[in-house]
C-alpha atoms as a PDB file:
ATOM      1  CA  UNK A   1     -21.828  41.567  19.904  1.00  0.00           C
ATOM      2  CA  UNK A   2     -22.301  38.690  22.358  1.00  0.00           C
ATOM      3  CA  UNK A   3     -26.098  38.754  21.903  1.00  0.00           C
ATOM      4  CA  UNK A   4     -25.877  37.546  18.300  1.00  0.00           C
ATOM      5  CA  UNK A   5     -24.026  35.067  16.160  1.00  0.00           C
ATOM      6  CA  UNK A   6     -20.624  36.140  14.906  1.00  0.00           C
ATOM      7  CA  UNK A   7     -20.884  36.309  11.123  1.00  0.00           C
ATOM      8  CA  UNK A   8     -17.827  34.866   9.458  1.00  0.00           C
ATOM      9  CA  UNK A   9     -16.414  35.130   5.961  1.00  0.00           C
ATOM     10  CA  UNK A  10     -14.059  32.367   4.843  1.00  0.00           C
ATOM     11  CA  UNK A  11     -11.201  32.901   2.409  1.00  0.00           C
ATOM     12  CA  UNK A  12      -9.996  29.579   1.079  1.00  0.00           C
ATOM     13  CA  UNK A  13     -11.955  26.366   0.512  1.00  0.00           C
ATOM     14  CA  UNK A  14      -9.084  23.903   0.498  1.00  0.00           C
ATOM     15  CA  UNK A  15      -8.444  21.231   3.096  1.00  0.00           C
ATOM     16  CA  UNK A  16      -8.255  23.486   6.162  1.00  0.00           C
ATOM     17  CA  UNK A  17     -10.855  25.935   4.866  1.00  0.00           C
ATOM     18  CA  UNK A  18     -13.309  23.068   4.526  1.00  0.00           C
ATOM     19  CA  UNK A  19     -12.545  21.893   8.072  1.00  0.00           C
ATOM     20  CA  UNK A  20     -13.153  25.354   9.503  1.00  0.00           C
ATOM     21  CA  UNK A  21     -16.330  25.879   7.467  1.00  0.00           C
ATOM     22  CA  UNK A  22     -17.770  22.591   8.724  1.00  0.00           C
ATOM     23  CA  UNK A  23     -16.781  23.434  12.287  1.00  0.00           C
ATOM     24  CA  UNK A  24     -18.599  26.746  12.173  1.00  0.00           C
ATOM     25  CA  UNK A  25     -21.627  25.339  10.398  1.00  0.00           C
ATOM     26  CA  UNK A  26     -22.081  22.197  12.491  1.00  0.00           C
ATOM     27  CA  UNK A  27     -20.224  22.660  15.780  1.00  0.00           C
ATOM     28  CA  UNK A  28     -20.394  26.372  16.710  1.00  0.00           C
ATOM     29  CA  UNK A  29     -23.950  27.670  17.085  1.00  0.00           C
ATOM     30  CA  UNK A  30     -22.513  30.956  18.311  1.00  0.00           C
ATOM     31  CA  UNK A  31     -21.124  31.657  14.822  1.00  0.00           C
ATOM     32  CA  UNK A  32     -22.454  31.593  11.271  1.00  0.00           C
ATOM     33  CA  UNK A  33     -20.529  31.233   7.986  1.00  0.00           C
ATOM     34  CA  UNK A  34     -22.090  33.784   5.644  1.00  0.00           C
ATOM     35  CA  UNK A  35     -19.734  33.950   2.659  1.00  0.00           C
ATOM     36  CA  UNK A  36     -16.827  31.967   1.214  1.00  0.00           C
ATOM     37  CA  UNK A  37     -14.366  32.489  -1.639  1.00  0.00           C
ATOM     38  CA  UNK A  38     -11.613  30.473  -3.261  1.00  0.00           C
ATOM     39  CA  UNK A  39      -9.506  30.848  -6.394  1.00  0.00           C
ATOM     40  CA  UNK A  40     -11.140  27.570  -7.418  1.00  0.00           C
ATOM     41  CA  UNK A  41     -14.770  28.635  -7.560  1.00  0.00           C
ATOM     42  CA  UNK A  42     -16.075  25.088  -7.689  1.00  0.00           C
ATOM     43  CA  UNK A  43     -14.327  24.264  -4.409  1.00  0.00           C
ATOM     44  CA  UNK A  44     -16.015  27.225  -2.734  1.00  0.00           C
ATOM     45  CA  UNK A  45     -19.367  26.245  -4.195  1.00  0.00           C
ATOM     46  CA  UNK A  46     -19.046  22.694  -2.895  1.00  0.00           C
ATOM     47  CA  UNK A  47     -18.190  23.844   0.619  1.00  0.00           C
ATOM     48  CA  UNK A  48     -21.008  26.399   0.533  1.00  0.00           C
ATOM     49  CA  UNK A  49     -23.521  23.733  -0.454  1.00  0.00           C
ATOM     50  CA  UNK A  50     -22.247  21.342   2.214  1.00  0.00           C
ATOM     51  CA  UNK A  51     -22.273  23.957   4.996  1.00  0.00           C
ATOM     52  CA  UNK A  52     -25.299  26.050   4.063  1.00  0.00           C
ATOM     53  CA  UNK A  53     -23.264  29.160   3.267  1.00  0.00           C
ATOM     54  CA  UNK A  54     -25.549  31.593   1.485  1.00  0.00           C
ATOM     55  CA  UNK A  55     -23.018  33.382  -0.684  1.00  0.00           C
ATOM     56  CA  UNK A  56     -19.991  32.412  -2.770  1.00  0.00           C
ATOM     57  CA  UNK A  57     -17.872  35.474  -3.479  1.00  0.00           C
ATOM     58  CA  UNK A  58     -15.676  35.847  -6.536  1.00  0.00           C
ATOM     59  CA  UNK A  59     -12.658  37.166  -4.648  1.00  0.00           C
ATOM     60  CA  UNK A  60     -11.166  37.444  -1.179  1.00  0.00           C
ATOM     61  CA  UNK A  61     -11.620  41.183  -1.430  1.00  0.00           C
ATOM     62  CA  UNK A  62     -15.383  40.708  -1.762  1.00  0.00           C
ATOM     63  CA  UNK A  63     -15.422  38.647   1.430  1.00  0.00           C
ATOM     64  CA  UNK A  64     -13.530  41.356   3.301  1.00  0.00           C
ATOM     65  CA  UNK A  65     -15.779  44.126   1.945  1.00  0.00           C
ATOM     66  CA  UNK A  66     -19.015  42.324   2.834  1.00  0.00           C
ATOM     67  CA  UNK A  67     -20.891  44.410   5.408  1.00  0.00           C
ATOM     68  CA  UNK A  68     -22.485  41.293   6.856  1.00  0.00           C
ATOM     69  CA  UNK A  69     -19.094  39.923   7.913  1.00  0.00           C
ATOM     70  CA  UNK A  70     -17.826  40.492  11.460  1.00  0.00           C
ATOM     71  CA  UNK A  71     -14.699  38.363  11.159  1.00  0.00           C
ATOM     72  CA  UNK A  72     -12.714  36.660   8.408  1.00  0.00           C
ATOM     73  CA  UNK A  73     -10.947  33.312   8.374  1.00  0.00           C
ATOM     74  CA  UNK A  74      -7.846  33.381   6.175  1.00  0.00           C
ATOM     75  CA  UNK A  75      -7.282  29.820   4.961  1.00  0.00           C
ATOM     76  CA  UNK A  76      -5.718  30.588   1.590  1.00  0.00           C
ATOM     77  CA  UNK A  77      -2.125  29.932   0.473  1.00  0.00           C
ATOM     78  CA  UNK A  78       0.601  31.292   2.752  1.00  0.00           C
ATOM     79  CA  UNK A  79       1.825  33.860   0.241  1.00  0.00           C
ATOM     80  CA  UNK A  80      -1.547  35.642   0.476  1.00  0.00           C
ATOM     81  CA  UNK A  81      -1.873  35.736   4.272  1.00  0.00           C
ATOM     82  CA  UNK A  82      -0.076  38.970   5.158  1.00  0.00           C
ATOM     83  CA  UNK A  83      -1.777  41.094   2.497  1.00  0.00           C
ATOM     84  CA  UNK A  84      -5.183  39.716   3.440  1.00  0.00           C
ATOM     85  CA  UNK A  85      -4.546  40.431   7.129  1.00  0.00           C
ATOM     86  CA  UNK A  86      -3.733  44.044   6.209  1.00  0.00           C
ATOM     87  CA  UNK A  87      -6.839  44.370   4.019  1.00  0.00           C
ATOM     88  CA  UNK A  88      -9.124  42.813   6.625  1.00  0.00           C
ATOM     89  CA  UNK A  89      -7.725  45.013   9.382  1.00  0.00           C
ATOM     90  CA  UNK A  90      -8.266  48.162   7.298  1.00  0.00           C
ATOM     91  CA  UNK A  91     -11.849  47.020   6.728  1.00  0.00           C
ATOM     92  CA  UNK A  92     -12.372  46.678  10.473  1.00  0.00           C
ATOM     93  CA  UNK A  93     -12.805  42.908  10.433  1.00  0.00           C
ATOM     94  CA  UNK A  94     -11.543  40.614  13.170  1.00  0.00           C
ATOM     95  CA  UNK A  95      -9.135  38.024  11.800  1.00  0.00           C
ATOM     96  CA  UNK A  96      -8.320  34.368  12.219  1.00  0.00           C
ATOM     97  CA  UNK A  97      -5.268  33.562  10.091  1.00  0.00           C
ATOM     98  CA  UNK A  98      -3.767  30.159   9.455  1.00  0.00           C
ATOM     99  CA  UNK A  99      -0.064  29.788  10.172  1.00  0.00           C
ATOM    100  CA  UNK A 100       2.300  31.220   9.174  1.00  0.00           C
ATOM    101  CA  UNK A 101       1.313  34.844   8.625  1.00  0.00           C
ATOM    102  CA  UNK A 102       4.213  34.956   6.166  1.00  0.00           C
ATOM    103  CA  UNK A 103       7.747  33.694   5.688  1.00  0.00           C
ATOM    104  CA  UNK A 104       9.040  37.280   5.722  1.00  0.00           C
ATOM    105  CA  UNK A 105       9.373  39.076   9.049  1.00  0.00           C
ATOM    106  CA  UNK A 106       8.965  42.422   7.301  1.00  0.00           C
ATOM    107  CA  UNK A 107       5.600  41.351   5.881  1.00  0.00           C
ATOM    108  CA  UNK A 108       4.547  39.934   9.242  1.00  0.00           C
ATOM    109  CA  UNK A 109       5.438  43.203  10.951  1.00  0.00           C
ATOM    110  CA  UNK A 110       3.446  45.156   8.382  1.00  0.00           C
ATOM    111  CA  UNK A 111       0.432  42.927   9.020  1.00  0.00           C
ATOM    112  CA  UNK A 112       0.712  43.211  12.805  1.00  0.00           C
ATOM    113  CA  UNK A 113       1.045  46.984  12.554  1.00  0.00           C
ATOM    114  CA  UNK A 114      -2.163  47.136  10.516  1.00  0.00           C
ATOM    115  CA  UNK A 115      -3.984  45.030  13.109  1.00  0.00           C
ATOM    116  CA  UNK A 116      -2.775  47.269  15.914  1.00  0.00           C
ATOM    117  CA  UNK A 117      -3.740  50.462  14.077  1.00  0.00           C
ATOM    118  CA  UNK A 118      -7.212  49.140  13.294  1.00  0.00           C
ATOM    119  CA  UNK A 119      -7.790  47.832  16.812  1.00  0.00           C
ATOM    120  CA  UNK A 120      -9.161  44.517  15.550  1.00  0.00           C
ATOM    121  CA  UNK A 121      -8.492  41.065  16.942  1.00  0.00           C
ATOM    122  CA  UNK A 122      -6.074  38.595  15.367  1.00  0.00           C
ATOM    123  CA  UNK A 123      -5.671  34.932  16.202  1.00  0.00           C
ATOM    124  CA  UNK A 124      -3.097  32.712  14.492  1.00  0.00           C
ATOM    125  CA  UNK A 125      -3.982  29.095  13.763  1.00  0.00           C
ATOM    126  CA  UNK A 126      -1.708  27.127  16.066  1.00  0.00           C
ATOM    127  CA  UNK A 127      -4.333  24.533  16.839  1.00  0.00           C
ATOM    128  CA  UNK A 128      -2.162  22.159  18.893  1.00  0.00           C
ATOM    129  CA  UNK A 129      -2.415  24.485  21.897  1.00  0.00           C
ATOM    130  CA  UNK A 130      -6.070  23.481  22.029  1.00  0.00           C
ATOM    131  CA  UNK A 131      -5.454  19.730  22.083  1.00  0.00           C
ATOM    132  CA  UNK A 132      -6.536  18.343  25.491  1.00  0.00           C
ATOM    133  CA  UNK A 133      -3.364  16.259  25.879  1.00  0.00           C
ATOM    134  CA  UNK A 134      -0.991  19.145  25.334  1.00  0.00           C
ATOM    135  CA  UNK A 135      -3.173  21.486  27.374  1.00  0.00           C
ATOM    136  CA  UNK A 136      -2.793  19.037  30.284  1.00  0.00           C
ATOM    137  CA  UNK A 137       0.995  19.128  29.900  1.00  0.00           C
ATOM    138  CA  UNK A 138       0.905  22.912  30.003  1.00  0.00           C
ATOM    139  CA  UNK A 139      -1.280  22.775  33.114  1.00  0.00           C
ATOM    140  CA  UNK A 140       1.239  20.516  34.868  1.00  0.00           C
ATOM    141  CA  UNK A 141       4.076  22.923  34.111  1.00  0.00           C
ATOM    142  CA  UNK A 142       2.183  26.123  34.903  1.00  0.00           C
ATOM    143  CA  UNK A 143       0.807  24.814  38.197  1.00  0.00           C
ATOM    144  CA  UNK A 144       4.142  23.473  39.419  1.00  0.00           C
ATOM    145  CA  UNK A 145       2.728  19.953  39.534  1.00  0.00           C
ATOM    146  CA  UNK A 146       6.024  18.507  38.244  1.00  0.00           C
ATOM    147  CA  UNK A 147       8.224  21.152  39.840  1.00  0.00           C
ATOM    148  CA  UNK A 148      10.494  23.381  37.810  1.00  0.00           C
ATOM    149  CA  UNK A 149      10.881  22.071  34.248  1.00  0.00           C
ATOM    150  CA  UNK A 150      14.357  20.913  33.261  1.00  0.00           C
ATOM    151  CA  UNK A 151      14.057  19.007  29.982  1.00  0.00           C
ATOM    152  CA  UNK A 152      11.450  18.980  27.217  1.00  0.00           C
ATOM    153  CA  UNK A 153      11.261  16.547  24.304  1.00  0.00           C
ATOM    154  CA  UNK A 154       8.811  17.006  21.426  1.00  0.00           C
ATOM    155  CA  UNK A 155       8.469  14.224  18.860  1.00  0.00           C
ATOM    156  CA  UNK A 156       6.666  15.273  15.684  1.00  0.00           C
ATOM    157  CA  UNK A 157       6.827  12.972  12.678  1.00  0.00           C
ATOM    158  CA  UNK A 158       4.566  12.863   9.635  1.00  0.00           C
ATOM    159  CA  UNK A 159       3.375   9.571   8.133  1.00  0.00           C
ATOM    160  CA  UNK A 160       4.621  10.445   4.632  1.00  0.00           C
ATOM    161  CA  UNK A 161       6.533  13.284   2.968  1.00  0.00           C
ATOM    162  CA  UNK A 162       4.797  15.964   0.917  1.00  0.00           C
ATOM    163  CA  UNK A 163       5.417  16.098  -2.840  1.00  0.00           C
ATOM    164  CA  UNK A 164       8.512  18.041  -3.979  1.00  0.00           C
ATOM    165  CA  UNK A 165       6.287  20.630  -5.667  1.00  0.00           C
ATOM    166  CA  UNK A 166       4.813  21.493  -2.273  1.00  0.00           C
ATOM    167  CA  UNK A 167       8.228  21.554  -0.612  1.00  0.00           C
ATOM    168  CA  UNK A 168       9.412  24.221  -3.063  1.00  0.00           C
ATOM    169  CA  UNK A 169       6.712  26.695  -1.949  1.00  0.00           C
ATOM    170  CA  UNK A 170       6.296  25.622   1.688  1.00  0.00           C
ATOM    171  CA  UNK A 171       9.086  27.708   3.163  1.00  0.00           C
ATOM    172  CA  UNK A 172      10.921  24.531   4.143  1.00  0.00           C
ATOM    173  CA  UNK A 173      10.511  22.071   6.976  1.00  0.00           C
ATOM    174  CA  UNK A 174      11.176  24.616   9.719  1.00  0.00           C
ATOM    175  CA  UNK A 175       8.529  27.127   8.549  1.00  0.00           C
ATOM    176  CA  UNK A 176       6.028  24.511   7.431  1.00  0.00           C
ATOM    177  CA  UNK A 177       6.257  21.565   9.832  1.00  0.00           C
ATOM    178  CA  UNK A 178       8.469  22.462  12.795  1.00  0.00           C
ATOM    179  CA  UNK A 179       6.726  25.822  13.187  1.00  0.00           C
ATOM    180  CA  UNK A 180       3.977  24.000  15.097  1.00  0.00           C
ATOM    181  CA  UNK A 181       6.583  22.470  17.394  1.00  0.00           C
ATOM    182  CA  UNK A 182       8.250  25.831  17.966  1.00  0.00           C
ATOM    183  CA  UNK A 183       4.893  27.197  19.078  1.00  0.00           C
ATOM    184  CA  UNK A 184       4.308  24.162  21.283  1.00  0.00           C
ATOM    185  CA  UNK A 185       7.718  24.570  22.916  1.00  0.00           C
ATOM    186  CA  UNK A 186       6.958  28.178  23.913  1.00  0.00           C
ATOM    187  CA  UNK A 187       3.440  27.277  25.004  1.00  0.00           C
ATOM    188  CA  UNK A 188       4.373  24.253  27.106  1.00  0.00           C
ATOM    189  CA  UNK A 189       7.341  25.805  28.910  1.00  0.00           C
ATOM    190  CA  UNK A 190       5.813  29.274  29.171  1.00  0.00           C
ATOM    191  CA  UNK A 191       9.081  30.988  28.316  1.00  0.00           C
ATOM    192  CA  UNK A 192      11.031  32.212  25.317  1.00  0.00           C
ATOM    193  CA  UNK A 193      13.837  30.410  23.491  1.00  0.00           C
ATOM    194  CA  UNK A 194      17.100  32.300  23.208  1.00  0.00           C
ATOM    195  CA  UNK A 195      19.270  29.882  21.214  1.00  0.00           C
ATOM    196  CA  UNK A 196      18.757  27.110  18.658  1.00  0.00           C
ATOM    197  CA  UNK A 197      21.045  24.427  17.286  1.00  0.00           C
ATOM    198  CA  UNK A 198      20.005  22.196  14.395  1.00  0.00           C
ATOM    199  CA  UNK A 199      21.307  18.921  13.014  1.00  0.00           C
ATOM    200  CA  UNK A 200      19.444  17.825   9.902  1.00  0.00           C
ATOM    201  CA  UNK A 201      19.608  15.789   6.752  1.00  0.00           C
ATOM    202  CA  UNK A 202      17.795  14.239   3.817  1.00  0.00           C
ATOM    203  CA  UNK A 203      17.004  10.646   4.737  1.00  0.00           C
ATOM    204  CA  UNK A 204      13.490  10.155   3.395  1.00  0.00           C
ATOM    205  CA  UNK A 205      13.286  11.499  -0.167  1.00  0.00           C
ATOM    206  CA  UNK A 206      16.243  12.745  -2.269  1.00  0.00           C
ATOM    207  CA  UNK A 207      13.850  14.975  -4.198  1.00  0.00           C
ATOM    208  CA  UNK A 208      13.267  16.993  -1.033  1.00  0.00           C
ATOM    209  CA  UNK A 209      16.993  17.631  -0.892  1.00  0.00           C
ATOM    210  CA  UNK A 210      17.018  18.659  -4.553  1.00  0.00           C
ATOM    211  CA  UNK A 211      14.297  21.167  -3.700  1.00  0.00           C
ATOM    212  CA  UNK A 212      16.667  22.707  -1.144  1.00  0.00           C
ATOM    213  CA  UNK A 213      15.004  21.360   1.961  1.00  0.00           C
ATOM    214  CA  UNK A 214      15.526  18.777   4.711  1.00  0.00           C
ATOM    215  CA  UNK A 215      13.239  15.944   5.753  1.00  0.00           C
ATOM    216  CA  UNK A 216      14.856  14.908   9.056  1.00  0.00           C
ATOM    217  CA  UNK A 217      15.983  17.156  11.879  1.00  0.00           C
ATOM    218  CA  UNK A 218      16.887  17.282  15.546  1.00  0.00           C
ATOM    219  CA  UNK A 219      16.698  20.743  17.080  1.00  0.00           C
ATOM    220  CA  UNK A 220      18.055  21.754  20.484  1.00  0.00           C
ATOM    221  CA  UNK A 221      16.436  24.737  22.206  1.00  0.00           C
ATOM    222  CA  UNK A 222      17.844  26.732  25.085  1.00  0.00           C
ATOM    223  CA  UNK A 223      15.195  28.717  26.933  1.00  0.00           C
ATOM    224  CA  UNK A 224      15.883  31.927  28.815  1.00  0.00           C
ATOM    225  CA  UNK A 225      14.861  30.222  32.068  1.00  0.00           C
ATOM    226  CA  UNK A 226      17.468  27.486  31.549  1.00  0.00           C
ATOM    227  CA  UNK A 227      15.225  24.708  30.261  1.00  0.00           C
ATOM    228  CA  UNK A 228      16.759  22.561  27.519  1.00  0.00           C
ATOM    229  CA  UNK A 229      14.392  21.306  24.839  1.00  0.00           C
ATOM    230  CA  UNK A 230      14.648  19.026  21.843  1.00  0.00           C
ATOM    231  CA  UNK A 231      12.414  18.722  18.805  1.00  0.00           C
ATOM    232  CA  UNK A 232      12.611  15.497  16.820  1.00  0.00           C
ATOM    233  CA  UNK A 233      11.196  15.832  13.281  1.00  0.00           C
ATOM    234  CA  UNK A 234      10.829  13.398  10.413  1.00  0.00           C
ATOM    235  CA  UNK A 235       8.771  13.597   7.258  1.00  0.00           C
ATOM    236  CA  UNK A 236       8.170   9.840   7.312  1.00  0.00           C
ATOM    237  CA  UNK A 237       7.109   7.561  10.143  1.00  0.00           C
ATOM    238  CA  UNK A 238       5.795   4.425   8.456  1.00  0.00           C
ATOM    239  CA  UNK A 239       3.534   3.562  11.377  1.00  0.00           C
ATOM    240  CA  UNK A 240       1.522   6.808  11.248  1.00  0.00           C
ATOM    241  CA  UNK A 241       1.378  10.293  12.730  1.00  0.00           C
ATOM    242  CA  UNK A 242       3.785  10.415  15.672  1.00  0.00           C
ATOM    243  CA  UNK A 243       2.942  13.201  18.138  1.00  0.00           C
ATOM    244  CA  UNK A 244       4.434  12.896  21.609  1.00  0.00           C
ATOM    245  CA  UNK A 245       5.737  15.180  24.348  1.00  0.00           C
ATOM    246  CA  UNK A 246       7.643  14.631  27.574  1.00  0.00           C
ATOM    247  CA  UNK A 247       8.711  17.197  30.147  1.00  0.00           C
ATOM    248  CA  UNK A 248      10.970  16.325  33.064  1.00  0.00           C
ATOM    249  CA  UNK A 249      10.797  18.592  36.077  1.00  0.00           C
ATOM    250  CA  UNK A 250      12.404  18.827  39.496  1.00  0.00           C
ATOM    251  CA  UNK A 251       9.371  17.147  41.072  1.00  0.00           C
ATOM    252  CA  UNK A 252       8.342  14.667  38.424  1.00  0.00           C
ATOM    253  CA  UNK A 253       7.535  14.341  34.742  1.00  0.00           C
ATOM    254  CA  UNK A 254       4.562  14.389  32.401  1.00  0.00           C
ATOM    255  CA  UNK A 255       4.258  12.733  29.004  1.00  0.00           C
ATOM    256  CA  UNK A 256       1.675  12.264  26.280  1.00  0.00           C
ATOM    257  CA  UNK A 257       1.471   9.271  23.957  1.00  0.00           C
ATOM    258  CA  UNK A 258       0.036   8.973  20.480  1.00  0.00           C
ATOM    259  CA  UNK A 259      -3.704   8.867  19.891  1.00  0.00           C
ATOM    260  CA  UNK A 260      -5.299   5.731  18.454  1.00  0.00           C
ATOM    261  CA  UNK A 261      -8.587   4.983  16.694  1.00  0.00           C
ATOM    262  CA  UNK A 262      -9.374   2.594  19.538  1.00  0.00           C
ATOM    263  CA  UNK A 263      -7.975   1.428  22.865  1.00  0.00           C
ATOM    264  CA  UNK A 264      -8.056  -2.286  22.081  1.00  0.00           C
ATOM    265  CA  UNK A 265      -4.959  -4.409  22.688  1.00  0.00           C
ATOM    266  CA  UNK A 266      -4.685  -7.844  21.087  1.00  0.00           C
ATOM    267  CA  UNK A 267      -2.751 -10.457  23.081  1.00  0.00           C
ATOM    268  CA  UNK A 268      -1.849 -13.850  21.652  1.00  0.00           C
ATOM    269  CA  UNK A 269       0.752 -16.541  22.308  1.00  0.00           C
ATOM    270  CA  UNK A 270       3.074 -14.852  19.831  1.00  0.00           C
ATOM    271  CA  UNK A 271       2.597 -11.121  20.367  1.00  0.00           C
ATOM    272  CA  UNK A 272       0.850  -8.261  22.084  1.00  0.00           C
ATOM    273  CA  UNK A 273      -0.188  -5.543  19.670  1.00  0.00           C
ATOM    274  CA  UNK A 274      -2.603  -2.738  18.935  1.00  0.00           C
ATOM    275  CA  UNK A 275      -3.756  -0.868  15.842  1.00  0.00           C
ATOM    276  CA  UNK A 276      -1.655   1.906  14.339  1.00  0.00           C
ATOM    277  CA  UNK A 277      -2.066   5.476  15.635  1.00  0.00           C
ATOM    278  CA  UNK A 278      -4.300   7.978  13.900  1.00  0.00           C
ATOM    279  CA  UNK A 279      -2.764   8.525  10.497  1.00  0.00           C
ATOM    280  CA  UNK A 280      -2.462  12.322  10.101  1.00  0.00           C
ATOM    281  CA  UNK A 281      -3.335  15.698  11.516  1.00  0.00           C
ATOM    282  CA  UNK A 282      -6.898  15.854  10.234  1.00  0.00           C
ATOM    283  CA  UNK A 283      -7.766  12.831  12.361  1.00  0.00           C
ATOM    284  CA  UNK A 284      -5.395  13.485  15.273  1.00  0.00           C
ATOM    285  CA  UNK A 285      -6.345  17.101  15.885  1.00  0.00           C
ATOM    286  CA  UNK A 286     -10.043  17.147  14.982  1.00  0.00           C
ATOM    287  CA  UNK A 287     -11.191  18.524  18.324  1.00  0.00           C
ATOM    288  CA  UNK A 288      -8.378  21.054  18.560  1.00  0.00           C
ATOM    289  CA  UNK A 289      -9.603  22.707  15.346  1.00  0.00           C
ATOM    290  CA  UNK A 290     -13.029  23.080  16.940  1.00  0.00           C
ATOM    291  CA  UNK A 291     -11.584  24.383  20.195  1.00  0.00           C
ATOM    292  CA  UNK A 292      -9.400  27.023  18.562  1.00  0.00           C
ATOM    293  CA  UNK A 293     -12.302  28.484  16.567  1.00  0.00           C
ATOM    294  CA  UNK A 294     -14.528  28.430  19.626  1.00  0.00           C
ATOM    295  CA  UNK A 295     -11.866  30.426  21.473  1.00  0.00           C
ATOM    296  CA  UNK A 296     -11.624  32.938  18.618  1.00  0.00           C
ATOM    297  CA  UNK A 297     -15.377  33.426  18.387  1.00  0.00           C
ATOM    298  CA  UNK A 298     -15.559  33.845  22.161  1.00  0.00           C
ATOM    299  CA  UNK A 299     -12.817  36.492  22.088  1.00  0.00           C
ATOM    300  CA  UNK A 300     -14.689  38.433  19.408  1.00  0.00           C
ATOM    301  CA  UNK A 301     -18.082  38.086  21.099  1.00  0.00           C
ATOM    302  CA  UNK A 302     -16.812  39.075  24.543  1.00  0.00           C
ATOM    303  CA  UNK A 303     -14.251  41.619  23.353  1.00  0.00           C
ATOM    304  CA  UNK A 304     -11.364  39.799  25.021  1.00  0.00           C
ATOM    305  CA  UNK A 305      -7.800  39.089  23.845  1.00  0.00           C
ATOM    306  CA  UNK A 306      -7.314  36.116  21.554  1.00  0.00           C
ATOM    307  CA  UNK A 307      -5.361  33.197  23.053  1.00  0.00           C
ATOM    308  CA  UNK A 308      -2.839  33.044  20.166  1.00  0.00           C
ATOM    309  CA  UNK A 309      -1.741  36.550  19.250  1.00  0.00           C
ATOM    310  CA  UNK A 310       0.043  38.039  16.280  1.00  0.00           C
ATOM    311  CA  UNK A 311       3.303  37.990  18.211  1.00  0.00           C
ATOM    312  CA  UNK A 312       2.704  34.299  18.913  1.00  0.00           C
ATOM    313  CA  UNK A 313       2.585  33.974  15.136  1.00  0.00           C
ATOM    314  CA  UNK A 314       5.777  35.957  14.584  1.00  0.00           C
ATOM    315  CA  UNK A 315       8.126  34.302  17.077  1.00  0.00           C
ATOM    316  CA  UNK A 316       7.942  30.761  15.624  1.00  0.00           C
ATOM    317  CA  UNK A 317       8.929  32.206  12.247  1.00  0.00           C
ATOM    318  CA  UNK A 318      11.979  33.769  13.900  1.00  0.00           C
ATOM    319  CA  UNK A 319      12.724  30.366  15.405  1.00  0.00           C
ATOM    320  CA  UNK A 320      12.331  28.682  12.028  1.00  0.00           C
ATOM    321  CA  UNK A 321      14.735  31.112  10.385  1.00  0.00           C
ATOM    322  CA  UNK A 322      17.217  30.583  13.229  1.00  0.00           C
ATOM    323  CA  UNK A 323      16.933  26.802  12.865  1.00  0.00           C
ATOM    324  CA  UNK A 324      17.729  26.991   9.153  1.00  0.00           C
ATOM    325  CA  UNK A 325      20.625  29.374   9.759  1.00  0.00           C
ATOM    326  CA  UNK A 326      21.979  27.014  12.407  1.00  0.00           C
ATOM    327  CA  UNK A 327      21.870  24.089   9.991  1.00  0.00           C
ATOM    328  CA  UNK A 328      23.468  26.021   7.160  1.00  0.00           C
ATOM    329  CA  UNK A 329      26.242  27.491   9.308  1.00  0.00           C
ATOM    330  CA  UNK A 330      26.675  24.435  11.576  1.00  0.00           C
ATOM    331  CA  UNK A 331      26.548  26.434  14.795  1.00  0.00           C
ATOM    332  CA  UNK A 332      24.120  27.517  17.523  1.00  0.00           C
ATOM    333  CA  UNK A 333      22.164  30.633  16.550  1.00  0.00           C
ATOM    334  CA  UNK A 334      20.698  33.112  19.006  1.00  0.00           C
ATOM    335  CA  UNK A 335      17.260  34.397  18.122  1.00  0.00           C
ATOM    336  CA  UNK A 336      18.548  37.935  18.599  1.00  0.00           C
ATOM    337  CA  UNK A 337      20.583  37.406  15.431  1.00  0.00           C
ATOM    338  CA  UNK A 338      17.378  37.050  13.410  1.00  0.00           C
ATOM    339  CA  UNK A 339      15.310  39.954  14.687  1.00  0.00           C
END
């Protein structure tokens, strides 16, 4: 398969589906988007016209059944992911699925079983692993550059909260927002978390609380290798998208700062200042979206394992469920309690 372009079918033409379609069309010559579908046909048509996609299918099932498709990108709503993974696997298609696979572990397990039975590849869309800054942190830990890691701190704050209508179907902050940070914690330390303790509240928008969710949380992680980690989440940082990491090790530390639209610093008699950081994930993680799809296409073309597996998709959901249980019961929760 490496001698030809990987032909990709896209399910979902919303915000992330559009990003992935443009990446394949304009940034990955080794792949070709050949068909796209969305429940909103006009959205699919607009993306198809923009990206030179020859066919707009009426349904996701048509994309999966298309004989010209080698791999599918599942960018539809979360509640459709698991069933589409199963259908694509049964059709013999390789699969890139946005996170999370599902909010239900039973549905995730069914999807992973179908992938294993079919012998197809599955990559889950945890794009932050492919950000150069975080990849450098991982390199420092894995190589021993900072010695044995002792403490990890992840700061992840959005510039503004989502609408309450979204909160009600999102799975909650831990399965929607923090799930990325759970994946980053495992990736950066290179070990599994065994216990989680959560302190959280509603400090940004009372409507989020009425929807049964939190908007502010501090989560303590205990890794099997002894590392202690913290994740600091807020749905509202008025100054922009706040994405930072620090790891302290026995031989030093490594940290990443926020990314800015420019590196200029203004100095006057009254102040020293710079522009605000990049405002949200579409701007902050542009290159990581390209890098993750390049890695997926390469895995398919060269018949190699994907860098973010189905199990990598399952474990952060377990962590999210443990974090919520910890908050509700006001106690540390071991992941073994969740499954």
